[in-house]
Amino acid sequence: HMKLDFGAIGKGFALDKALNILRAADVSRALINFGGQISAY
């Protein structure tokens, strides 16, 4: 009866993927605030 739960890592994983899209498009500066978790460059 095992179950996976990505509640403690899934949002961060999605942030990395979303920021990669912006960086690949040569955006010079970007910030994502995802429910209080921040990813930026």
PDB file of all heavy atoms in Angstrom:
ATOM      1  N   HIS A   1       0.827  -1.214   0.000  1.00  0.00           N
ATOM      2  CA  HIS A   1       0.000   0.000   0.000  1.00  0.00           C
ATOM      3  C   HIS A   1       0.859   1.263   0.000  1.00  0.00           C
ATOM      4  O   HIS A   1       0.502   2.265   0.612  1.00  0.00           O
ATOM      5  CB  HIS A   1      -0.945   0.000   1.202  1.00  0.00           C
ATOM      6  CG  HIS A   1      -1.867  -1.172   1.248  1.00  0.00           C
ATOM      7  ND1 HIS A   1      -2.815  -1.406   0.277  1.00  0.00           N
ATOM      8  CD2 HIS A   1      -1.948  -2.202   2.131  1.00  0.00           C
ATOM      9  CE1 HIS A   1      -3.474  -2.526   0.571  1.00  0.00           C
ATOM     10  NE2 HIS A   1      -2.956  -3.028   1.677  1.00  0.00           N
ATOM     11  N   MET A   2       1.973   1.206  -0.703  1.00  0.00           N
ATOM     12  CA  MET A   2       2.835   2.379  -0.794  1.00  0.00           C
ATOM     13  C   MET A   2       2.211   3.454  -1.677  1.00  0.00           C
ATOM     14  O   MET A   2       1.437   3.144  -2.581  1.00  0.00           O
ATOM     15  CB  MET A   2       4.211   1.997  -1.337  1.00  0.00           C
ATOM     16  CG  MET A   2       5.014   1.078  -0.455  1.00  0.00           C
ATOM     17  SD  MET A   2       6.752   0.974  -0.966  1.00  0.00           S
ATOM     18  CE  MET A   2       7.371   2.546  -0.371  1.00  0.00           C
ATOM     19  N   LYS A   3       2.597   4.699  -1.402  1.00  0.00           N
ATOM     20  CA  LYS A   3       2.138   5.820  -2.225  1.00  0.00           C
ATOM     21  C   LYS A   3       3.222   6.896  -2.266  1.00  0.00           C
ATOM     22  O   LYS A   3       3.812   7.233  -1.240  1.00  0.00           O
ATOM     23  CB  LYS A   3       0.849   6.429  -1.667  1.00  0.00           C
ATOM     24  CG  LYS A   3      -0.409   5.638  -1.973  1.00  0.00           C
ATOM     25  CD  LYS A   3      -1.633   6.437  -1.577  1.00  0.00           C
ATOM     26  CE  LYS A   3      -2.913   5.726  -1.971  1.00  0.00           C
ATOM     27  NZ  LYS A   3      -4.109   6.535  -1.623  1.00  0.00           N
ATOM     28  N   LEU A   4       3.419   7.425  -3.448  1.00  0.00           N
ATOM     29  CA  LEU A   4       4.323   8.560  -3.613  1.00  0.00           C
ATOM     30  C   LEU A   4       3.571   9.855  -3.333  1.00  0.00           C
ATOM     31  O   LEU A   4       2.362   9.956  -3.579  1.00  0.00           O
ATOM     32  CB  LEU A   4       4.879   8.599  -5.034  1.00  0.00           C
ATOM     33  CG  LEU A   4       5.583   7.338  -5.533  1.00  0.00           C
ATOM     34  CD1 LEU A   4       5.911   7.479  -7.014  1.00  0.00           C
ATOM     35  CD2 LEU A   4       6.839   7.066  -4.715  1.00  0.00           C
ATOM     36  N   ASP A   5       4.292  10.837  -2.837  1.00  0.00           N
ATOM     37  CA  ASP A   5       3.726  12.172  -2.663  1.00  0.00           C
ATOM     38  C   ASP A   5       4.832  13.190  -2.924  1.00  0.00           C
ATOM     39  O   ASP A   5       5.842  13.202  -2.228  1.00  0.00           O
ATOM     40  CB  ASP A   5       3.155  12.355  -1.257  1.00  0.00           C
ATOM     41  CG  ASP A   5       2.395  13.664  -1.125  1.00  0.00           C
ATOM     42  OD1 ASP A   5       3.055  14.726  -1.113  1.00  0.00           O
ATOM     43  OD2 ASP A   5       1.157  13.638  -1.036  1.00  0.00           O
ATOM     44  N   PHE A   6       4.637  14.021  -3.945  1.00  0.00           N
ATOM     45  CA  PHE A   6       5.649  15.003  -4.336  1.00  0.00           C
ATOM     46  C   PHE A   6       5.384  16.386  -3.756  1.00  0.00           C
ATOM     47  O   PHE A   6       5.908  17.379  -4.257  1.00  0.00           O
ATOM     48  CB  PHE A   6       5.731  15.087  -5.856  1.00  0.00           C
ATOM     49  CG  PHE A   6       6.298  13.848  -6.500  1.00  0.00           C
ATOM     50  CD1 PHE A   6       5.504  13.008  -7.259  1.00  0.00           C
ATOM     51  CD2 PHE A   6       7.632  13.524  -6.335  1.00  0.00           C
ATOM     52  CE1 PHE A   6       6.029  11.871  -7.858  1.00  0.00           C
ATOM     53  CE2 PHE A   6       8.175  12.389  -6.926  1.00  0.00           C
ATOM     54  CZ  PHE A   6       7.373  11.562  -7.688  1.00  0.00           C
ATOM     55  N   GLY A   7       4.575  16.452  -2.692  1.00  0.00           N
ATOM     56  CA  GLY A   7       4.222  17.746  -2.117  1.00  0.00           C
ATOM     57  C   GLY A   7       5.401  18.543  -1.601  1.00  0.00           C
ATOM     58  O   GLY A   7       5.315  19.767  -1.489  1.00  0.00           O
ATOM     59  N   ALA A   8       6.516  17.871  -1.280  1.00  0.00           N
ATOM     60  CA  ALA A   8       7.673  18.572  -0.729  1.00  0.00           C
ATOM     61  C   ALA A   8       8.793  18.770  -1.736  1.00  0.00           C
ATOM     62  O   ALA A   8       9.879  19.217  -1.361  1.00  0.00           O
ATOM     63  CB  ALA A   8       8.202  17.810   0.489  1.00  0.00           C
ATOM     64  N   ILE A   9       8.544  18.454  -3.006  1.00  0.00           N
ATOM     65  CA  ILE A   9       9.589  18.632  -4.020  1.00  0.00           C
ATOM     66  C   ILE A   9       9.021  18.989  -5.393  1.00  0.00           C
ATOM     67  O   ILE A   9       9.716  19.575  -6.214  1.00  0.00           O
ATOM     68  CB  ILE A   9      10.465  17.363  -4.131  1.00  0.00           C
ATOM     69  CG1 ILE A   9      11.743  17.657  -4.920  1.00  0.00           C
ATOM     70  CG2 ILE A   9       9.681  16.185  -4.724  1.00  0.00           C
ATOM     71  CD1 ILE A   9      12.764  16.525  -4.889  1.00  0.00           C
ATOM     72  N   GLY A  10       7.771  18.672  -5.640  1.00  0.00           N
ATOM     73  CA  GLY A  10       7.196  18.868  -6.974  1.00  0.00           C
ATOM     74  C   GLY A  10       7.158  20.314  -7.429  1.00  0.00           C
ATOM     75  O   GLY A  10       7.433  20.630  -8.590  1.00  0.00           O
ATOM     76  N   LYS A  11       6.841  21.222  -6.501  1.00  0.00           N
ATOM     77  CA  LYS A  11       6.775  22.631  -6.879  1.00  0.00           C
ATOM     78  C   LYS A  11       8.162  23.152  -7.249  1.00  0.00           C
ATOM     79  O   LYS A  11       8.325  23.899  -8.216  1.00  0.00           O
ATOM     80  CB  LYS A  11       6.166  23.445  -5.736  1.00  0.00           C
ATOM     81  CG  LYS A  11       5.763  24.841  -6.138  1.00  0.00           C
ATOM     82  CD  LYS A  11       4.738  25.434  -5.177  1.00  0.00           C
ATOM     83  CE  LYS A  11       5.319  25.679  -3.819  1.00  0.00           C
ATOM     84  NZ  LYS A  11       4.377  26.434  -2.952  1.00  0.00           N
ATOM     85  N   GLY A  12       9.179  22.738  -6.481  1.00  0.00           N
ATOM     86  CA  GLY A  12      10.534  23.150  -6.808  1.00  0.00           C
ATOM     87  C   GLY A  12      11.000  22.601  -8.137  1.00  0.00           C
ATOM     88  O   GLY A  12      11.667  23.293  -8.914  1.00  0.00           O
ATOM     89  N   PHE A  13      10.658  21.348  -8.415  1.00  0.00           N
ATOM     90  CA  PHE A  13      10.999  20.729  -9.696  1.00  0.00           C
ATOM     91  C   PHE A  13      10.366  21.511 -10.842  1.00  0.00           C
ATOM     92  O   PHE A  13      11.015  21.793 -11.864  1.00  0.00           O
ATOM     93  CB  PHE A  13      10.511  19.284  -9.700  1.00  0.00           C
ATOM     94  CG  PHE A  13      10.870  18.488 -10.922  1.00  0.00           C
ATOM     95  CD1 PHE A  13      12.161  18.043 -11.123  1.00  0.00           C
ATOM     96  CD2 PHE A  13       9.902  18.159 -11.863  1.00  0.00           C
ATOM     97  CE1 PHE A  13      12.496  17.294 -12.262  1.00  0.00           C
ATOM     98  CE2 PHE A  13      10.221  17.415 -12.992  1.00  0.00           C
ATOM     99  CZ  PHE A  13      11.523  16.985 -13.183  1.00  0.00           C
ATOM    100  N   ALA A  14       9.103  21.890 -10.678  1.00  0.00           N
ATOM    101  CA  ALA A  14       8.412  22.667 -11.707  1.00  0.00           C
ATOM    102  C   ALA A  14       9.038  24.044 -11.876  1.00  0.00           C
ATOM    103  O   ALA A  14       9.134  24.564 -12.999  1.00  0.00           O
ATOM    104  CB  ALA A  14       6.928  22.787 -11.352  1.00  0.00           C
ATOM    105  N   LEU A  15       9.484  24.646 -10.778  1.00  0.00           N
ATOM    106  CA  LEU A  15      10.149  25.940 -10.861  1.00  0.00           C
ATOM    107  C   LEU A  15      11.419  25.862 -11.702  1.00  0.00           C
ATOM    108  O   LEU A  15      11.679  26.735 -12.532  1.00  0.00           O
ATOM    109  CB  LEU A  15      10.503  26.433  -9.460  1.00  0.00           C
ATOM    110  CG  LEU A  15       9.454  27.249  -8.712  1.00  0.00           C
ATOM    111  CD1 LEU A  15       9.888  27.459  -7.262  1.00  0.00           C
ATOM    112  CD2 LEU A  15       9.212  28.589  -9.392  1.00  0.00           C
ATOM    113  N   ASP A  16      12.216  24.827 -11.483  1.00  0.00           N
ATOM    114  CA  ASP A  16      13.443  24.667 -12.268  1.00  0.00           C
ATOM    115  C   ASP A  16      13.132  24.561 -13.756  1.00  0.00           C
ATOM    116  O   ASP A  16      13.798  25.179 -14.591  1.00  0.00           O
ATOM    117  CB  ASP A  16      14.199  23.411 -11.811  1.00  0.00           C
ATOM    118  CG  ASP A  16      14.888  23.597 -10.470  1.00  0.00           C
ATOM    119  OD1 ASP A  16      15.292  24.725 -10.158  1.00  0.00           O
ATOM    120  OD2 ASP A  16      15.009  22.600  -9.735  1.00  0.00           O
ATOM    121  N   LYS A  17      12.128  23.784 -14.101  1.00  0.00           N
ATOM    122  CA  LYS A  17      11.772  23.591 -15.510  1.00  0.00           C
ATOM    123  C   LYS A  17      11.239  24.891 -16.127  1.00  0.00           C
ATOM    124  O   LYS A  17      11.565  25.224 -17.278  1.00  0.00           O
ATOM    125  CB  LYS A  17      10.725  22.484 -15.634  1.00  0.00           C
ATOM    126  CG  LYS A  17      11.182  21.111 -15.166  1.00  0.00           C
ATOM    127  CD  LYS A  17      12.240  20.528 -16.076  1.00  0.00           C
ATOM    128  CE  LYS A  17      12.579  19.099 -15.691  1.00  0.00           C
ATOM    129  NZ  LYS A  17      13.605  18.494 -16.580  1.00  0.00           N
ATOM    130  N   ALA A  18      10.424  25.621 -15.373  1.00  0.00           N
ATOM    131  CA  ALA A  18       9.858  26.873 -15.888  1.00  0.00           C
ATOM    132  C   ALA A  18      10.941  27.927 -16.081  1.00  0.00           C
ATOM    133  O   ALA A  18      10.961  28.646 -17.092  1.00  0.00           O
ATOM    134  CB  ALA A  18       8.784  27.382 -14.928  1.00  0.00           C
ATOM    135  N   LEU A  19      11.868  28.020 -15.124  1.00  0.00           N
ATOM    136  CA  LEU A  19      12.933  29.004 -15.252  1.00  0.00           C
ATOM    137  C   LEU A  19      13.867  28.667 -16.410  1.00  0.00           C
ATOM    138  O   LEU A  19      14.383  29.565 -17.088  1.00  0.00           O
ATOM    139  CB  LEU A  19      13.724  29.086 -13.947  1.00  0.00           C
ATOM    140  CG  LEU A  19      14.623  30.320 -13.791  1.00  0.00           C
ATOM    141  CD1 LEU A  19      13.789  31.588 -13.738  1.00  0.00           C
ATOM    142  CD2 LEU A  19      15.491  30.209 -12.548  1.00  0.00           C
ATOM    143  N   ASN A  20      14.059  27.378 -16.681  1.00  0.00           N
ATOM    144  CA  ASN A  20      14.896  26.963 -17.811  1.00  0.00           C
ATOM    145  C   ASN A  20      14.340  27.484 -19.140  1.00  0.00           C
ATOM    146  O   ASN A  20      15.098  27.827 -20.052  1.00  0.00           O
ATOM    147  CB  ASN A  20      15.016  25.448 -17.863  1.00  0.00           C
ATOM    148  CG  ASN A  20      15.951  24.907 -16.793  1.00  0.00           C
ATOM    149  OD1 ASN A  20      16.742  25.651 -16.216  1.00  0.00           O
ATOM    150  ND2 ASN A  20      15.849  23.623 -16.521  1.00  0.00           N
ATOM    151  N   ILE A  21      13.021  27.530 -19.261  1.00  0.00           N
ATOM    152  CA  ILE A  21      12.399  28.039 -20.485  1.00  0.00           C
ATOM    153  C   ILE A  21      12.731  29.519 -20.666  1.00  0.00           C
ATOM    154  O   ILE A  21      13.068  29.970 -21.772  1.00  0.00           O
ATOM    155  CB  ILE A  21      10.869  27.809 -20.442  1.00  0.00           C
ATOM    156  CG1 ILE A  21      10.558  26.317 -20.573  1.00  0.00           C
ATOM    157  CG2 ILE A  21      10.171  28.615 -21.533  1.00  0.00           C
ATOM    158  CD1 ILE A  21       9.097  25.977 -20.449  1.00  0.00           C
ATOM    159  N   LEU A  22      12.659  30.283 -19.586  1.00  0.00           N
ATOM    160  CA  LEU A  22      12.963  31.719 -19.668  1.00  0.00           C
ATOM    161  C   LEU A  22      14.434  31.944 -19.988  1.00  0.00           C
ATOM    162  O   LEU A  22      14.781  32.807 -20.801  1.00  0.00           O
ATOM    163  CB  LEU A  22      12.591  32.397 -18.352  1.00  0.00           C
ATOM    164  CG  LEU A  22      11.115  32.321 -17.942  1.00  0.00           C
ATOM    165  CD1 LEU A  22      10.901  32.984 -16.593  1.00  0.00           C
ATOM    166  CD2 LEU A  22      10.222  32.958 -18.999  1.00  0.00           C
ATOM    167  N   ARG A  23      15.311  31.166 -19.357  1.00  0.00           N
ATOM    168  CA  ARG A  23      16.743  31.334 -19.616  1.00  0.00           C
ATOM    169  C   ARG A  23      17.097  30.957 -21.053  1.00  0.00           C
ATOM    170  O   ARG A  23      17.935  31.605 -21.688  1.00  0.00           O
ATOM    171  CB  ARG A  23      17.550  30.484 -18.641  1.00  0.00           C
ATOM    172  CG  ARG A  23      17.406  30.898 -17.194  1.00  0.00           C
ATOM    173  CD  ARG A  23      18.293  30.076 -16.280  1.00  0.00           C
ATOM    174  NE  ARG A  23      19.683  30.432 -16.463  1.00  0.00           N
ATOM    175  CZ  ARG A  23      20.522  30.709 -15.470  1.00  0.00           C
ATOM    176  NH1 ARG A  23      20.100  30.676 -14.221  1.00  0.00           N
ATOM    177  NH2 ARG A  23      21.775  31.002 -15.710  1.00  0.00           N
ATOM    178  N   ALA A  24      16.465  29.908 -21.564  1.00  0.00           N
ATOM    179  CA  ALA A  24      16.741  29.472 -22.940  1.00  0.00           C
ATOM    180  C   ALA A  24      16.316  30.520 -23.961  1.00  0.00           C
ATOM    181  O   ALA A  24      16.848  30.556 -25.073  1.00  0.00           O
ATOM    182  CB  ALA A  24      16.040  28.147 -23.214  1.00  0.00           C
ATOM    183  N   ALA A  25      15.376  31.368 -23.580  1.00  0.00           N
ATOM    184  CA  ALA A  25      14.907  32.426 -24.478  1.00  0.00           C
ATOM    185  C   ALA A  25      15.719  33.712 -24.328  1.00  0.00           C
ATOM    186  O   ALA A  25      15.349  34.752 -24.880  1.00  0.00           O
ATOM    187  CB  ALA A  25      13.433  32.705 -24.212  1.00  0.00           C
ATOM    188  N   ASP A  26      16.832  33.626 -23.555  1.00  0.00           N
ATOM    189  CA  ASP A  26      17.737  34.773 -23.380  1.00  0.00           C
ATOM    190  C   ASP A  26      17.105  35.939 -22.635  1.00  0.00           C
ATOM    191  O   ASP A  26      17.472  37.104 -22.854  1.00  0.00           O
ATOM    192  CB  ASP A  26      18.274  35.251 -24.723  1.00  0.00           C
ATOM    193  CG  ASP A  26      19.179  34.219 -25.384  1.00  0.00           C
ATOM    194  OD1 ASP A  26      19.876  33.496 -24.647  1.00  0.00           O
ATOM    195  OD2 ASP A  26      19.171  34.132 -26.624  1.00  0.00           O
ATOM    196  N   VAL A  27      16.168  35.629 -21.741  1.00  0.00           N
ATOM    197  CA  VAL A  27      15.681  36.663 -20.829  1.00  0.00           C
ATOM    198  C   VAL A  27      16.812  36.970 -19.849  1.00  0.00           C
ATOM    199  O   VAL A  27      17.395  36.066 -19.258  1.00  0.00           O
ATOM    200  CB  VAL A  27      14.426  36.180 -20.076  1.00  0.00           C
ATOM    201  CG1 VAL A  27      14.039  37.175 -18.995  1.00  0.00           C
ATOM    202  CG2 VAL A  27      13.273  35.993 -21.052  1.00  0.00           C
ATOM    203  N   SER A  28      17.166  38.237 -19.699  1.00  0.00           N
ATOM    204  CA  SER A  28      18.351  38.590 -18.918  1.00  0.00           C
ATOM    205  C   SER A  28      18.123  38.509 -17.413  1.00  0.00           C
ATOM    206  O   SER A  28      19.073  38.354 -16.643  1.00  0.00           O
ATOM    207  CB  SER A  28      18.815  40.000 -19.288  1.00  0.00           C
ATOM    208  OG  SER A  28      17.814  40.954 -18.967  1.00  0.00           O
ATOM    209  N   ARG A  29      16.879  38.600 -16.998  1.00  0.00           N
ATOM    210  CA  ARG A  29      16.574  38.642 -15.574  1.00  0.00           C
ATOM    211  C   ARG A  29      15.167  38.127 -15.369  1.00  0.00           C
ATOM    212  O   ARG A  29      14.243  38.544 -16.069  1.00  0.00           O
ATOM    213  CB  ARG A  29      16.662  40.092 -15.083  1.00  0.00           C
ATOM    214  CG  ARG A  29      17.346  40.314 -13.782  1.00  0.00           C
ATOM    215  CD  ARG A  29      17.604  41.790 -13.554  1.00  0.00           C
ATOM    216  NE  ARG A  29      17.396  42.118 -12.157  1.00  0.00           N
ATOM    217  CZ  ARG A  29      16.306  42.680 -11.679  1.00  0.00           C
ATOM    218  NH1 ARG A  29      15.330  43.037 -12.496  1.00  0.00           N
ATOM    219  NH2 ARG A  29      16.178  42.922 -10.392  1.00  0.00           N
ATOM    220  N   ALA A  30      14.997  37.199 -14.434  1.00  0.00           N
ATOM    221  CA  ALA A  30      13.667  36.646 -14.211  1.00  0.00           C
ATOM    222  C   ALA A  30      13.513  36.213 -12.766  1.00  0.00           C
ATOM    223  O   ALA A  30      14.481  35.827 -12.100  1.00  0.00           O
ATOM    224  CB  ALA A  30      13.421  35.451 -15.133  1.00  0.00           C
ATOM    225  N   LEU A  31      12.293  36.306 -12.290  1.00  0.00           N
ATOM    226  CA  LEU A  31      11.964  35.843 -10.943  1.00  0.00           C
ATOM    227  C   LEU A  31      10.596  35.190 -10.967  1.00  0.00           C
ATOM    228  O   LEU A  31       9.646  35.696 -11.568  1.00  0.00           O
ATOM    229  CB  LEU A  31      11.972  37.002  -9.952  1.00  0.00           C
ATOM    230  CG  LEU A  31      11.712  36.617  -8.491  1.00  0.00           C
ATOM    231  CD1 LEU A  31      12.600  37.431  -7.553  1.00  0.00           C
ATOM    232  CD2 LEU A  31      10.239  36.827  -8.123  1.00  0.00           C
ATOM    233  N   ILE A  32      10.495  34.028 -10.300  1.00  0.00           N
ATOM    234  CA  ILE A  32       9.219  33.331 -10.158  1.00  0.00           C
ATOM    235  C   ILE A  32       8.933  33.180  -8.667  1.00  0.00           C
ATOM    236  O   ILE A  32       9.737  32.627  -7.921  1.00  0.00           O
ATOM    237  CB  ILE A  32       9.239  31.945 -10.820  1.00  0.00           C
ATOM    238  CG1 ILE A  32       9.705  32.033 -12.272  1.00  0.00           C
ATOM    239  CG2 ILE A  32       7.850  31.315 -10.750  1.00  0.00           C
ATOM    240  CD1 ILE A  32       9.833  30.687 -12.969  1.00  0.00           C
ATOM    241  N   ASN A  33       7.791  33.686  -8.252  1.00  0.00           N
ATOM    242  CA  ASN A  33       7.310  33.520  -6.875  1.00  0.00           C
ATOM    243  C   ASN A  33       6.154  32.530  -6.926  1.00  0.00           C
ATOM    244  O   ASN A  33       5.066  32.844  -7.376  1.00  0.00           O
ATOM    245  CB  ASN A  33       6.848  34.870  -6.310  1.00  0.00           C
ATOM    246  CG  ASN A  33       6.306  34.734  -4.891  1.00  0.00           C
ATOM    247  OD1 ASN A  33       6.339  33.663  -4.290  1.00  0.00           O
ATOM    248  ND2 ASN A  33       5.816  35.840  -4.365  1.00  0.00           N
ATOM    249  N   PHE A  34       6.408  31.318  -6.465  1.00  0.00           N
ATOM    250  CA  PHE A  34       5.434  30.235  -6.584  1.00  0.00           C
ATOM    251  C   PHE A  34       4.920  29.870  -5.196  1.00  0.00           C
ATOM    252  O   PHE A  34       5.464  29.021  -4.513  1.00  0.00           O
ATOM    253  CB  PHE A  34       6.100  29.025  -7.245  1.00  0.00           C
ATOM    254  CG  PHE A  34       5.134  28.008  -7.810  1.00  0.00           C
ATOM    255  CD1 PHE A  34       3.762  28.184  -7.745  1.00  0.00           C
ATOM    256  CD2 PHE A  34       5.609  26.860  -8.420  1.00  0.00           C
ATOM    257  CE1 PHE A  34       2.884  27.259  -8.275  1.00  0.00           C
ATOM    258  CE2 PHE A  34       4.745  25.914  -8.957  1.00  0.00           C
ATOM    259  CZ  PHE A  34       3.384  26.122  -8.880  1.00  0.00           C
ATOM    260  N   GLY A  35       3.886  30.575  -4.771  1.00  0.00           N
ATOM    261  CA  GLY A  35       3.305  30.300  -3.473  1.00  0.00           C
ATOM    262  C   GLY A  35       4.283  30.513  -2.338  1.00  0.00           C
ATOM    263  O   GLY A  35       4.179  29.872  -1.293  1.00  0.00           O
ATOM    264  N   GLY A  36       5.244  31.414  -2.502  1.00  0.00           N
ATOM    265  CA  GLY A  36       6.210  31.690  -1.451  1.00  0.00           C
ATOM    266  C   GLY A  36       7.572  31.089  -1.693  1.00  0.00           C
ATOM    267  O   GLY A  36       8.538  31.502  -1.063  1.00  0.00           O
ATOM    268  N   GLN A  37       7.692  30.101  -2.584  1.00  0.00           N
ATOM    269  CA  GLN A  37       9.030  29.639  -2.948  1.00  0.00           C
ATOM    270  C   GLN A  37       9.508  30.467  -4.128  1.00  0.00           C
ATOM    271  O   GLN A  37       8.769  30.704  -5.088  1.00  0.00           O
ATOM    272  CB  GLN A  37       9.068  28.161  -3.312  1.00  0.00           C
ATOM    273  CG  GLN A  37      10.492  27.696  -3.647  1.00  0.00           C
ATOM    274  CD  GLN A  37      10.641  26.213  -3.824  1.00  0.00           C
ATOM    275  OE1 GLN A  37       9.725  25.452  -3.606  1.00  0.00           O
ATOM    276  NE2 GLN A  37      11.821  25.783  -4.240  1.00  0.00           N
ATOM    277  N   ILE A  38      10.762  30.907  -4.041  1.00  0.00           N
ATOM    278  CA  ILE A  38      11.309  31.827  -5.021  1.00  0.00           C
ATOM    279  C   ILE A  38      12.362  31.140  -5.870  1.00  0.00           C
ATOM    280  O   ILE A  38      13.198  30.389  -5.364  1.00  0.00           O
ATOM    281  CB  ILE A  38      11.974  33.033  -4.323  1.00  0.00           C
ATOM    282  CG1 ILE A  38      11.008  33.703  -3.340  1.00  0.00           C
ATOM    283  CG2 ILE A  38      12.496  34.035  -5.343  1.00  0.00           C
ATOM    284  CD1 ILE A  38       9.759  34.242  -3.959  1.00  0.00           C
ATOM    285  N   SER A  39      12.318  31.390  -7.171  1.00  0.00           N
ATOM    286  CA  SER A  39      13.381  30.965  -8.073  1.00  0.00           C
ATOM    287  C   SER A  39      13.720  32.156  -8.960  1.00  0.00           C
ATOM    288  O   SER A  39      12.813  32.805  -9.496  1.00  0.00           O
ATOM    289  CB  SER A  39      12.941  29.771  -8.922  1.00  0.00           C
ATOM    290  OG  SER A  39      14.008  29.271  -9.687  1.00  0.00           O
ATOM    291  N   ALA A  40      15.016  32.445  -9.094  1.00  0.00           N
ATOM    292  CA  ALA A  40      15.386  33.672  -9.795  1.00  0.00           C
ATOM    293  C   ALA A  40      16.760  33.561 -10.432  1.00  0.00           C
ATOM    294  O   ALA A  40      17.559  32.708 -10.081  1.00  0.00           O
ATOM    295  CB  ALA A  40      15.369  34.853  -8.821  1.00  0.00           C
ATOM    296  N   TYR A  41      17.002  34.438 -11.371  1.00  0.00           N
ATOM    297  CA  TYR A  41      18.357  34.621 -11.876  1.00  0.00           C
ATOM    298  C   TYR A  41      18.487  36.027 -12.456  1.00  0.00           C
ATOM    299  O   TYR A  41      17.504  36.668 -12.838  1.00  0.00           O
ATOM    300  CB  TYR A  41      18.737  33.563 -12.914  1.00  0.00           C
ATOM    301  CG  TYR A  41      18.265  33.853 -14.319  1.00  0.00           C
ATOM    302  CD1 TYR A  41      19.090  34.497 -15.236  1.00  0.00           C
ATOM    303  CD2 TYR A  41      16.988  33.478 -14.735  1.00  0.00           C
ATOM    304  CE1 TYR A  41      18.654  34.766 -16.524  1.00  0.00           C
ATOM    305  CE2 TYR A  41      16.554  33.738 -16.013  1.00  0.00           C
ATOM    306  CZ  TYR A  41      17.379  34.382 -16.906  1.00  0.00           C
ATOM    307  OH  TYR A  41      16.942  34.650 -18.174  1.00  0.00           O
TER     308      TYR A  41
END
